Amino acid sequence: MSLVILGIDPGLANTGWGLVECEGNRFASRGYGCISSASDEALPQRLERIHRHLVRLIERESPSECGIENVYFNPTAKTAFATGQARGVALLATAT
């Protein structure tokens, strides 16, 4: 039985993702990419873009499991909050 694992590295400017297929002790890359948004775009539209792309990816690839990177300490509070919002959108996308 093979598993498809989706990994997400959330960020407001760039949200990275990767898909790995596992069968027994064999692993193979199934795809990877980055969802980018411009800093001059309004926050709701940036978050919606991340959500929409992740939902499409999940619908297309049907991963068995998903891992989303935690938000670690960031010296800039603004950056930490933005990353947290992007992580929340990624969590929402995986719940649907």
PDB file of N, CA and C in Angstrom:
ATOM      1  N   MET A   1       0.841  -1.179   0.000  1.00  0.00           N
ATOM      2  CA  MET A   1       0.000   0.000   0.000  1.00  0.00           C
ATOM      3  C   MET A   1       0.887   1.243   0.000  1.00  0.00           C
ATOM      4  N   SER A   2       0.567   2.203  -0.849  1.00  0.00           N
ATOM      5  CA  SER A   2       1.388   3.403  -0.904  1.00  0.00           C
ATOM      6  C   SER A   2       0.680   4.561  -0.216  1.00  0.00           C
ATOM      7  N   LEU A   3       1.486   5.430   0.387  1.00  0.00           N
ATOM      8  CA  LEU A   3       1.005   6.645   1.028  1.00  0.00           C
ATOM      9  C   LEU A   3       1.506   7.838   0.244  1.00  0.00           C
ATOM     10  N   VAL A   4       0.681   8.877   0.167  1.00  0.00           N
ATOM     11  CA  VAL A   4       1.105  10.131  -0.424  1.00  0.00           C
ATOM     12  C   VAL A   4       1.073  11.164   0.698  1.00  0.00           C
ATOM     13  N   ILE A   5       2.222  11.775   0.954  1.00  0.00           N
ATOM     14  CA  ILE A   5       2.342  12.742   2.038  1.00  0.00           C
ATOM     15  C   ILE A   5       2.564  14.128   1.447  1.00  0.00           C
ATOM     16  N   LEU A   6       1.762  15.080   1.903  1.00  0.00           N
ATOM     17  CA  LEU A   6       1.883  16.474   1.505  1.00  0.00           C
ATOM     18  C   LEU A   6       2.554  17.229   2.639  1.00  0.00           C
ATOM     19  N   GLY A   7       3.629  17.915   2.330  1.00  0.00           N
ATOM     20  CA  GLY A   7       4.299  18.786   3.294  1.00  0.00           C
ATOM     21  C   GLY A   7       4.111  20.223   2.875  1.00  0.00           C
ATOM     22  N   ILE A   8       3.803  21.082   3.848  1.00  0.00           N
ATOM     23  CA  ILE A   8       3.556  22.497   3.560  1.00  0.00           C
ATOM     24  C   ILE A   8       4.446  23.355   4.455  1.00  0.00           C
ATOM     25  N   ASP A   9       5.137  24.308   3.850  1.00  0.00           N
ATOM     26  CA  ASP A   9       5.949  25.297   4.567  1.00  0.00           C
ATOM     27  C   ASP A   9       5.257  26.645   4.369  1.00  0.00           C
ATOM     28  N   PRO A  10       4.407  27.056   5.336  1.00  0.00           N
ATOM     29  CA  PRO A  10       3.585  28.237   5.129  1.00  0.00           C
ATOM     30  C   PRO A  10       4.360  29.548   5.210  1.00  0.00           C
ATOM     31  N   GLY A  11       3.930  30.479   4.414  1.00  0.00           N
ATOM     32  CA  GLY A  11       4.451  31.837   4.433  1.00  0.00           C
ATOM     33  C   GLY A  11       3.517  32.713   3.630  1.00  0.00           C
ATOM     34  N   LEU A  12       3.428  33.974   3.987  1.00  0.00           N
ATOM     35  CA  LEU A  12       2.512  34.859   3.275  1.00  0.00           C
ATOM     36  C   LEU A  12       3.028  35.180   1.873  1.00  0.00           C
ATOM     37  N   ALA A  13       4.298  35.480   1.746  1.00  0.00           N
ATOM     38  CA  ALA A  13       4.863  35.780   0.423  1.00  0.00           C
ATOM     39  C   ALA A  13       5.062  34.512  -0.388  1.00  0.00           C
ATOM     40  N   ASN A  14       5.503  33.444   0.263  1.00  0.00           N
ATOM     41  CA  ASN A  14       5.772  32.174  -0.407  1.00  0.00           C
ATOM     42  C   ASN A  14       5.374  31.015   0.489  1.00  0.00           C
ATOM     43  N   THR A  15       4.465  30.201   0.013  1.00  0.00           N
ATOM     44  CA  THR A  15       4.091  28.964   0.697  1.00  0.00           C
ATOM     45  C   THR A  15       4.612  27.816  -0.151  1.00  0.00           C
ATOM     46  N   GLY A  16       5.537  27.071   0.405  1.00  0.00           N
ATOM     47  CA  GLY A  16       6.111  25.945  -0.322  1.00  0.00           C
ATOM     48  C   GLY A  16       5.352  24.666  -0.013  1.00  0.00           C
ATOM     49  N   TRP A  17       5.351  23.752  -0.974  1.00  0.00           N
ATOM     50  CA  TRP A  17       4.703  22.459  -0.769  1.00  0.00           C
ATOM     51  C   TRP A  17       5.496  21.379  -1.507  1.00  0.00           C
ATOM     52  N   GLY A  18       5.360  20.159  -0.999  1.00  0.00           N
ATOM     53  CA  GLY A  18       5.994  19.022  -1.640  1.00  0.00           C
ATOM     54  C   GLY A  18       5.177  17.766  -1.399  1.00  0.00           C
ATOM     55  N   LEU A  19       5.158  16.884  -2.365  1.00  0.00           N
ATOM     56  CA  LEU A  19       4.451  15.610  -2.266  1.00  0.00           C
ATOM     57  C   LEU A  19       5.450  14.469  -2.369  1.00  0.00           C
ATOM     58  N   VAL A  20       5.357  13.532  -1.435  1.00  0.00           N
ATOM     59  CA  VAL A  20       6.231  12.366  -1.430  1.00  0.00           C
ATOM     60  C   VAL A  20       5.350  11.125  -1.413  1.00  0.00           C
ATOM     61  N   GLU A  21       5.675  10.182  -2.264  1.00  0.00           N
ATOM     62  CA  GLU A  21       4.966   8.902  -2.265  1.00  0.00           C
ATOM     63  C   GLU A  21       5.842   7.869  -1.576  1.00  0.00           C
ATOM     64  N   CYS A  22       5.257   7.145  -0.631  1.00  0.00           N
ATOM     65  CA  CYS A  22       5.986   6.144   0.153  1.00  0.00           C
ATOM     66  C   CYS A  22       5.348   4.785  -0.064  1.00  0.00           C
ATOM     67  N   GLU A  23       6.179   3.829  -0.395  1.00  0.00           N
ATOM     68  CA  GLU A  23       5.723   2.449  -0.497  1.00  0.00           C
ATOM     69  C   GLU A  23       6.782   1.573   0.161  1.00  0.00           C
ATOM     70  N   GLY A  24       6.411   1.016   1.316  1.00  0.00           N
ATOM     71  CA  GLY A  24       7.399   0.263   2.083  1.00  0.00           C
ATOM     72  C   GLY A  24       8.498   1.204   2.528  1.00  0.00           C
ATOM     73  N   ASN A  25       9.739   0.867   2.183  1.00  0.00           N
ATOM     74  CA  ASN A  25      10.857   1.745   2.531  1.00  0.00           C
ATOM     75  C   ASN A  25      11.371   2.533   1.329  1.00  0.00           C
ATOM     76  N   ARG A  26      10.524   2.662   0.294  1.00  0.00           N
ATOM     77  CA  ARG A  26      10.877   3.438  -0.904  1.00  0.00           C
ATOM     78  C   ARG A  26      10.114   4.752  -0.901  1.00  0.00           C
ATOM     79  N   PHE A  27      10.818   5.823  -1.212  1.00  0.00           N
ATOM     80  CA  PHE A  27      10.229   7.148  -1.254  1.00  0.00           C
ATOM     81  C   PHE A  27      10.512   7.768  -2.614  1.00  0.00           C
ATOM     82  N   ALA A  28       9.516   8.475  -3.152  1.00  0.00           N
ATOM     83  CA  ALA A  28       9.702   9.144  -4.434  1.00  0.00           C
ATOM     84  C   ALA A  28       8.978  10.485  -4.409  1.00  0.00           C
ATOM     85  N   SER A  29       9.627  11.482  -4.970  1.00  0.00           N
ATOM     86  CA  SER A  29       9.002  12.798  -5.091  1.00  0.00           C
ATOM     87  C   SER A  29       7.885  12.726  -6.119  1.00  0.00           C
ATOM     88  N   ARG A  30       6.739  13.269  -5.742  1.00  0.00           N
ATOM     89  CA  ARG A  30       5.612  13.312  -6.661  1.00  0.00           C
ATOM     90  C   ARG A  30       5.346  14.712  -7.175  1.00  0.00           C
ATOM     91  N   GLY A  31       5.994  15.682  -6.585  1.00  0.00           N
ATOM     92  CA  GLY A  31       5.836  17.056  -7.038  1.00  0.00           C
ATOM     93  C   GLY A  31       6.150  18.040  -5.936  1.00  0.00           C
ATOM     94  N   TYR A  32       6.390  19.268  -6.336  1.00  0.00           N
ATOM     95  CA  TYR A  32       6.676  20.337  -5.384  1.00  0.00           C
ATOM     96  C   TYR A  32       6.413  21.663  -6.065  1.00  0.00           C
ATOM     97  N   GLY A  33       6.266  22.688  -5.259  1.00  0.00           N
ATOM     98  CA  GLY A  33       6.022  23.995  -5.830  1.00  0.00           C
ATOM     99  C   GLY A  33       5.944  25.075  -4.773  1.00  0.00           C
ATOM    100  N   CYS A  34       5.610  26.255  -5.227  1.00  0.00           N
ATOM    101  CA  CYS A  34       5.552  27.421  -4.363  1.00  0.00           C
ATOM    102  C   CYS A  34       4.348  28.270  -4.771  1.00  0.00           C
ATOM    103  N   ILE A  35       3.591  28.686  -3.789  1.00  0.00           N
ATOM    104  CA  ILE A  35       2.461  29.584  -4.019  1.00  0.00           C
ATOM    105  C   ILE A  35       2.920  30.963  -3.562  1.00  0.00           C
ATOM    106  N   SER A  36       3.046  31.885  -4.497  1.00  0.00           N
ATOM    107  CA  SER A  36       3.568  33.219  -4.185  1.00  0.00           C
ATOM    108  C   SER A  36       2.482  34.275  -4.284  1.00  0.00           C
ATOM    109  N   SER A  37       2.658  35.339  -3.507  1.00  0.00           N
ATOM    110  CA  SER A  37       1.754  36.483  -3.601  1.00  0.00           C
ATOM    111  C   SER A  37       2.564  37.757  -3.446  1.00  0.00           C
ATOM    112  N   ALA A  38       2.104  38.804  -4.077  1.00  0.00           N
ATOM    113  CA  ALA A  38       2.820  40.081  -4.077  1.00  0.00           C
ATOM    114  C   ALA A  38       2.514  40.876  -2.810  1.00  0.00           C
ATOM    115  N   SER A  39       3.516  41.581  -2.319  1.00  0.00           N
ATOM    116  CA  SER A  39       3.345  42.355  -1.086  1.00  0.00           C
ATOM    117  C   SER A  39       2.373  43.517  -1.246  1.00  0.00           C
ATOM    118  N   ASP A  40       2.123  43.957  -2.476  1.00  0.00           N
ATOM    119  CA  ASP A  40       1.186  45.064  -2.674  1.00  0.00           C
ATOM    120  C   ASP A  40      -0.271  44.586  -2.810  1.00  0.00           C
ATOM    121  N   GLU A  41      -0.473  43.276  -2.757  1.00  0.00           N
ATOM    122  CA  GLU A  41      -1.811  42.700  -2.811  1.00  0.00           C
ATOM    123  C   GLU A  41      -2.419  42.735  -1.405  1.00  0.00           C
ATOM    124  N   ALA A  42      -3.727  42.938  -1.309  1.00  0.00           N
ATOM    125  CA  ALA A  42      -4.406  42.997  -0.012  1.00  0.00           C
ATOM    126  C   ALA A  42      -4.318  41.650   0.705  1.00  0.00           C
ATOM    127  N   LEU A  43      -4.208  41.692   2.025  1.00  0.00           N
ATOM    128  CA  LEU A  43      -4.050  40.490   2.830  1.00  0.00           C
ATOM    129  C   LEU A  43      -5.128  39.440   2.568  1.00  0.00           C
ATOM    130  N   PRO A  44      -6.428  39.796   2.541  1.00  0.00           N
ATOM    131  CA  PRO A  44      -7.435  38.757   2.293  1.00  0.00           C
ATOM    132  C   PRO A  44      -7.239  38.034   0.960  1.00  0.00           C
ATOM    133  N   GLN A  45      -6.835  38.754  -0.066  1.00  0.00           N
ATOM    134  CA  GLN A  45      -6.617  38.135  -1.377  1.00  0.00           C
ATOM    135  C   GLN A  45      -5.388  37.222  -1.350  1.00  0.00           C
ATOM    136  N   ARG A  46      -4.369  37.605  -0.611  1.00  0.00           N
ATOM    137  CA  ARG A  46      -3.161  36.773  -0.510  1.00  0.00           C
ATOM    138  C   ARG A  46      -3.488  35.458   0.194  1.00  0.00           C
ATOM    139  N   LEU A  47      -4.234  35.550   1.293  1.00  0.00           N
ATOM    140  CA  LEU A  47      -4.611  34.345   2.033  1.00  0.00           C
ATOM    141  C   LEU A  47      -5.550  33.467   1.207  1.00  0.00           C
ATOM    142  N   GLU A  48      -6.458  34.087   0.482  1.00  0.00           N
ATOM    143  CA  GLU A  48      -7.389  33.324  -0.362  1.00  0.00           C
ATOM    144  C   GLU A  48      -6.638  32.589  -1.463  1.00  0.00           C
ATOM    145  N   ARG A  49      -5.616  33.210  -2.025  1.00  0.00           N
ATOM    146  CA  ARG A  49      -4.815  32.569  -3.077  1.00  0.00           C
ATOM    147  C   ARG A  49      -4.134  31.305  -2.526  1.00  0.00           C
ATOM    148  N   ILE A  50      -3.544  31.405  -1.339  1.00  0.00           N
ATOM    149  CA  ILE A  50      -2.894  30.244  -0.719  1.00  0.00           C
ATOM    150  C   ILE A  50      -3.920  29.137  -0.511  1.00  0.00           C
ATOM    151  N   HIS A  51      -5.059  29.494   0.059  1.00  0.00           N
ATOM    152  CA  HIS A  51      -6.108  28.504   0.339  1.00  0.00           C
ATOM    153  C   HIS A  51      -6.583  27.836  -0.945  1.00  0.00           C
ATOM    154  N   ARG A  52      -6.892  28.636  -1.957  1.00  0.00           N
ATOM    155  CA  ARG A  52      -7.416  28.105  -3.224  1.00  0.00           C
ATOM    156  C   ARG A  52      -6.432  27.142  -3.870  1.00  0.00           C
ATOM    157  N   HIS A  53      -5.151  27.512  -3.912  1.00  0.00           N
ATOM    158  CA  HIS A  53      -4.149  26.635  -4.535  1.00  0.00           C
ATOM    159  C   HIS A  53      -3.980  25.336  -3.753  1.00  0.00           C
ATOM    160  N   LEU A  54      -3.970  25.432  -2.422  1.00  0.00           N
ATOM    161  CA  LEU A  54      -3.817  24.215  -1.621  1.00  0.00           C
ATOM    162  C   LEU A  54      -5.025  23.299  -1.753  1.00  0.00           C
ATOM    163  N   VAL A  55      -6.223  23.862  -1.766  1.00  0.00           N
ATOM    164  CA  VAL A  55      -7.429  23.042  -1.929  1.00  0.00           C
ATOM    165  C   VAL A  55      -7.395  22.321  -3.275  1.00  0.00           C
ATOM    166  N   ARG A  56      -7.018  23.022  -4.336  1.00  0.00           N
ATOM    167  CA  ARG A  56      -6.917  22.388  -5.664  1.00  0.00           C
ATOM    168  C   ARG A  56      -5.886  21.266  -5.660  1.00  0.00           C
ATOM    169  N   LEU A  57      -4.745  21.527  -5.033  1.00  0.00           N
ATOM    170  CA  LEU A  57      -3.683  20.524  -4.954  1.00  0.00           C
ATOM    171  C   LEU A  57      -4.172  19.290  -4.205  1.00  0.00           C
ATOM    172  N   ILE A  58      -4.836  19.486  -3.078  1.00  0.00           N
ATOM    173  CA  ILE A  58      -5.341  18.377  -2.278  1.00  0.00           C
ATOM    174  C   ILE A  58      -6.406  17.596  -3.047  1.00  0.00           C
ATOM    175  N   GLU A  59      -7.284  18.296  -3.735  1.00  0.00           N
ATOM    176  CA  GLU A  59      -8.319  17.611  -4.536  1.00  0.00           C
ATOM    177  C   GLU A  59      -7.686  16.791  -5.657  1.00  0.00           C
ATOM    178  N   ARG A  60      -6.650  17.333  -6.287  1.00  0.00           N
ATOM    179  CA  ARG A  60      -6.010  16.652  -7.422  1.00  0.00           C
ATOM    180  C   ARG A  60      -5.166  15.458  -6.973  1.00  0.00           C
ATOM    181  N   GLU A  61      -4.436  15.596  -5.881  1.00  0.00           N
ATOM    182  CA  GLU A  61      -3.459  14.583  -5.479  1.00  0.00           C
ATOM    183  C   GLU A  61      -3.958  13.626  -4.404  1.00  0.00           C
ATOM    184  N   SER A  62      -5.009  13.986  -3.684  1.00  0.00           N
ATOM    185  CA  SER A  62      -5.583  13.147  -2.616  1.00  0.00           C
ATOM    186  C   SER A  62      -4.525  12.576  -1.671  1.00  0.00           C
ATOM    187  N   PRO A  63      -3.771  13.448  -0.990  1.00  0.00           N
ATOM    188  CA  PRO A  63      -2.744  12.922  -0.078  1.00  0.00           C
ATOM    189  C   PRO A  63      -3.358  12.145   1.080  1.00  0.00           C
ATOM    190  N   SER A  64      -2.613  11.153   1.563  1.00  0.00           N
ATOM    191  CA  SER A  64      -3.045  10.338   2.695  1.00  0.00           C
ATOM    192  C   SER A  64      -2.773  11.046   4.009  1.00  0.00           C
ATOM    193  N   GLU A  65      -1.698  11.808   4.043  1.00  0.00           N
ATOM    194  CA  GLU A  65      -1.236  12.496   5.251  1.00  0.00           C
ATOM    195  C   GLU A  65      -0.761  13.888   4.864  1.00  0.00           C
ATOM    196  N   CYS A  66      -0.702  14.763   5.872  1.00  0.00           N
ATOM    197  CA  CYS A  66      -0.207  16.116   5.629  1.00  0.00           C
ATOM    198  C   CYS A  66       0.571  16.588   6.840  1.00  0.00           C
ATOM    199  N   GLY A  67       1.683  17.249   6.582  1.00  0.00           N
ATOM    200  CA  GLY A  67       2.469  17.875   7.639  1.00  0.00           C
ATOM    201  C   GLY A  67       2.631  19.344   7.318  1.00  0.00           C
ATOM    202  N   ILE A  68       2.394  20.196   8.322  1.00  0.00           N
ATOM    203  CA  ILE A  68       2.516  21.640   8.130  1.00  0.00           C
ATOM    204  C   ILE A  68       3.526  22.167   9.146  1.00  0.00           C
ATOM    205  N   GLU A  69       4.520  22.868   8.660  1.00  0.00           N
ATOM    206  CA  GLU A  69       5.564  23.385   9.535  1.00  0.00           C
ATOM    207  C   GLU A  69       4.978  24.346  10.558  1.00  0.00           C
ATOM    208  N   ASN A  70       5.464  24.248  11.789  1.00  0.00           N
ATOM    209  CA  ASN A  70       5.056  25.174  12.844  1.00  0.00           C
ATOM    210  C   ASN A  70       5.698  26.533  12.635  1.00  0.00           C
ATOM    211  N   VAL A  71       5.110  27.546  13.241  1.00  0.00           N
ATOM    212  CA  VAL A  71       5.687  28.884  13.225  1.00  0.00           C
ATOM    213  C   VAL A  71       6.659  28.963  14.389  1.00  0.00           C
ATOM    214  N   TYR A  72       7.912  29.218  14.068  1.00  0.00           N
ATOM    215  CA  TYR A  72       8.932  29.342  15.096  1.00  0.00           C
ATOM    216  C   TYR A  72       9.189  30.808  15.394  1.00  0.00           C
ATOM    217  N   PHE A  73       9.948  31.066  16.410  1.00  0.00           N
ATOM    218  CA  PHE A  73      10.253  32.434  16.821  1.00  0.00           C
ATOM    219  C   PHE A  73      10.766  33.231  15.642  1.00  0.00           C
ATOM    220  N   ASN A  74      10.242  34.429  15.505  1.00  0.00           N
ATOM    221  CA  ASN A  74      10.712  35.359  14.489  1.00  0.00           C
ATOM    222  C   ASN A  74      10.917  36.696  15.174  1.00  0.00           C
ATOM    223  N   PRO A  75      12.060  37.332  14.969  1.00  0.00           N
ATOM    224  CA  PRO A  75      12.312  38.597  15.659  1.00  0.00           C
ATOM    225  C   PRO A  75      11.349  39.710  15.252  1.00  0.00           C
ATOM    226  N   THR A  76      10.710  39.588  14.106  1.00  0.00           N
ATOM    227  CA  THR A  76       9.759  40.591  13.649  1.00  0.00           C
ATOM    228  C   THR A  76       8.340  40.071  13.881  1.00  0.00           C
ATOM    229  N   ALA A  77       7.611  40.726  14.778  1.00  0.00           N
ATOM    230  CA  ALA A  77       6.251  40.289  15.113  1.00  0.00           C
ATOM    231  C   ALA A  77       5.357  40.291  13.881  1.00  0.00           C
ATOM    232  N   LYS A  78       5.501  41.272  13.026  1.00  0.00           N
ATOM    233  CA  LYS A  78       4.667  41.369  11.822  1.00  0.00           C
ATOM    234  C   LYS A  78       4.850  40.134  10.937  1.00  0.00           C
ATOM    235  N   THR A  79       6.082  39.691  10.770  1.00  0.00           N
ATOM    236  CA  THR A  79       6.367  38.507   9.962  1.00  0.00           C
ATOM    237  C   THR A  79       5.808  37.256  10.626  1.00  0.00           C
ATOM    238  N   ALA A  80       5.946  37.160  11.939  1.00  0.00           N
ATOM    239  CA  ALA A  80       5.429  35.995  12.664  1.00  0.00           C
ATOM    240  C   ALA A  80       3.912  35.907  12.537  1.00  0.00           C
ATOM    241  N   PHE A  81       3.220  37.030  12.654  1.00  0.00           N
ATOM    242  CA  PHE A  81       1.760  37.021  12.518  1.00  0.00           C
ATOM    243  C   PHE A  81       1.340  36.627  11.104  1.00  0.00           C
ATOM    244  N   ALA A  82       2.027  37.161  10.103  1.00  0.00           N
ATOM    245  CA  ALA A  82       1.693  36.842   8.712  1.00  0.00           C
ATOM    246  C   ALA A  82       1.898  35.361   8.441  1.00  0.00           C
ATOM    247  N   THR A  83       2.988  34.803   8.945  1.00  0.00           N
ATOM    248  CA  THR A  83       3.247  33.376   8.764  1.00  0.00           C
ATOM    249  C   THR A  83       2.186  32.553   9.482  1.00  0.00           C
ATOM    250  N   GLY A  84       1.784  32.992  10.665  1.00  0.00           N
ATOM    251  CA  GLY A  84       0.723  32.306  11.409  1.00  0.00           C
ATOM    252  C   GLY A  84      -0.597  32.318  10.662  1.00  0.00           C
ATOM    253  N   GLN A  85      -0.906  33.425  10.007  1.00  0.00           N
ATOM    254  CA  GLN A  85      -2.137  33.490   9.217  1.00  0.00           C
ATOM    255  C   GLN A  85      -2.065  32.536   8.030  1.00  0.00           C
ATOM    256  N   ALA A  86      -0.931  32.474   7.368  1.00  0.00           N
ATOM    257  CA  ALA A  86      -0.762  31.554   6.239  1.00  0.00           C
ATOM    258  C   ALA A  86      -0.856  30.108   6.724  1.00  0.00           C
ATOM    259  N   ARG A  87      -0.322  29.827   7.906  1.00  0.00           N
ATOM    260  CA  ARG A  87      -0.412  28.470   8.460  1.00  0.00           C
ATOM    261  C   ARG A  87      -1.862  28.119   8.761  1.00  0.00           C
ATOM    262  N   GLY A  88      -2.615  29.081   9.287  1.00  0.00           N
ATOM    263  CA  GLY A  88      -4.030  28.851   9.561  1.00  0.00           C
ATOM    264  C   GLY A  88      -4.812  28.528   8.296  1.00  0.00           C
ATOM    265  N   VAL A  89      -4.509  29.217   7.221  1.00  0.00           N
ATOM    266  CA  VAL A  89      -5.166  28.959   5.939  1.00  0.00           C
ATOM    267  C   VAL A  89      -4.804  27.562   5.436  1.00  0.00           C
ATOM    268  N   ALA A  90      -3.554  27.156   5.614  1.00  0.00           N
ATOM    269  CA  ALA A  90      -3.126  25.811   5.198  1.00  0.00           C
ATOM    270  C   ALA A  90      -3.854  24.756   6.018  1.00  0.00           C
ATOM    271  N   LEU A  91      -3.988  24.967   7.324  1.00  0.00           N
ATOM    272  CA  LEU A  91      -4.735  24.024   8.169  1.00  0.00           C
ATOM    273  C   LEU A  91      -6.182  23.928   7.707  1.00  0.00           C
ATOM    274  N   LEU A  92      -6.781  25.052   7.387  1.00  0.00           N
ATOM    275  CA  LEU A  92      -8.159  25.076   6.904  1.00  0.00           C
ATOM    276  C   LEU A  92      -8.282  24.287   5.598  1.00  0.00           C
ATOM    277  N   ALA A  93      -7.344  24.474   4.692  1.00  0.00           N
ATOM    278  CA  ALA A  93      -7.380  23.775   3.400  1.00  0.00           C
ATOM    279  C   ALA A  93      -7.319  22.259   3.593  1.00  0.00           C
ATOM    280  N   THR A  94      -6.534  21.803   4.557  1.00  0.00           N
ATOM    281  CA  THR A  94      -6.421  20.353   4.771  1.00  0.00           C
ATOM    282  C   THR A  94      -7.647  19.778   5.468  1.00  0.00           C
ATOM    283  N   ALA A  95      -8.432  20.620   6.102  1.00  0.00           N
ATOM    284  CA  ALA A  95      -9.620  20.149   6.837  1.00  0.00           C
ATOM    285  C   ALA A  95     -10.824  19.957   5.920  1.00  0.00           C
ATOM    286  N   THR A  96     -10.772  20.522   4.732  1.00  0.00           N
ATOM    287  CA  THR A  96     -11.935  20.439   3.821  1.00  0.00           C
ATOM    288  C   THR A  96     -11.903  19.206   2.963  1.00  0.00           C
TER     289      THR A  96
END
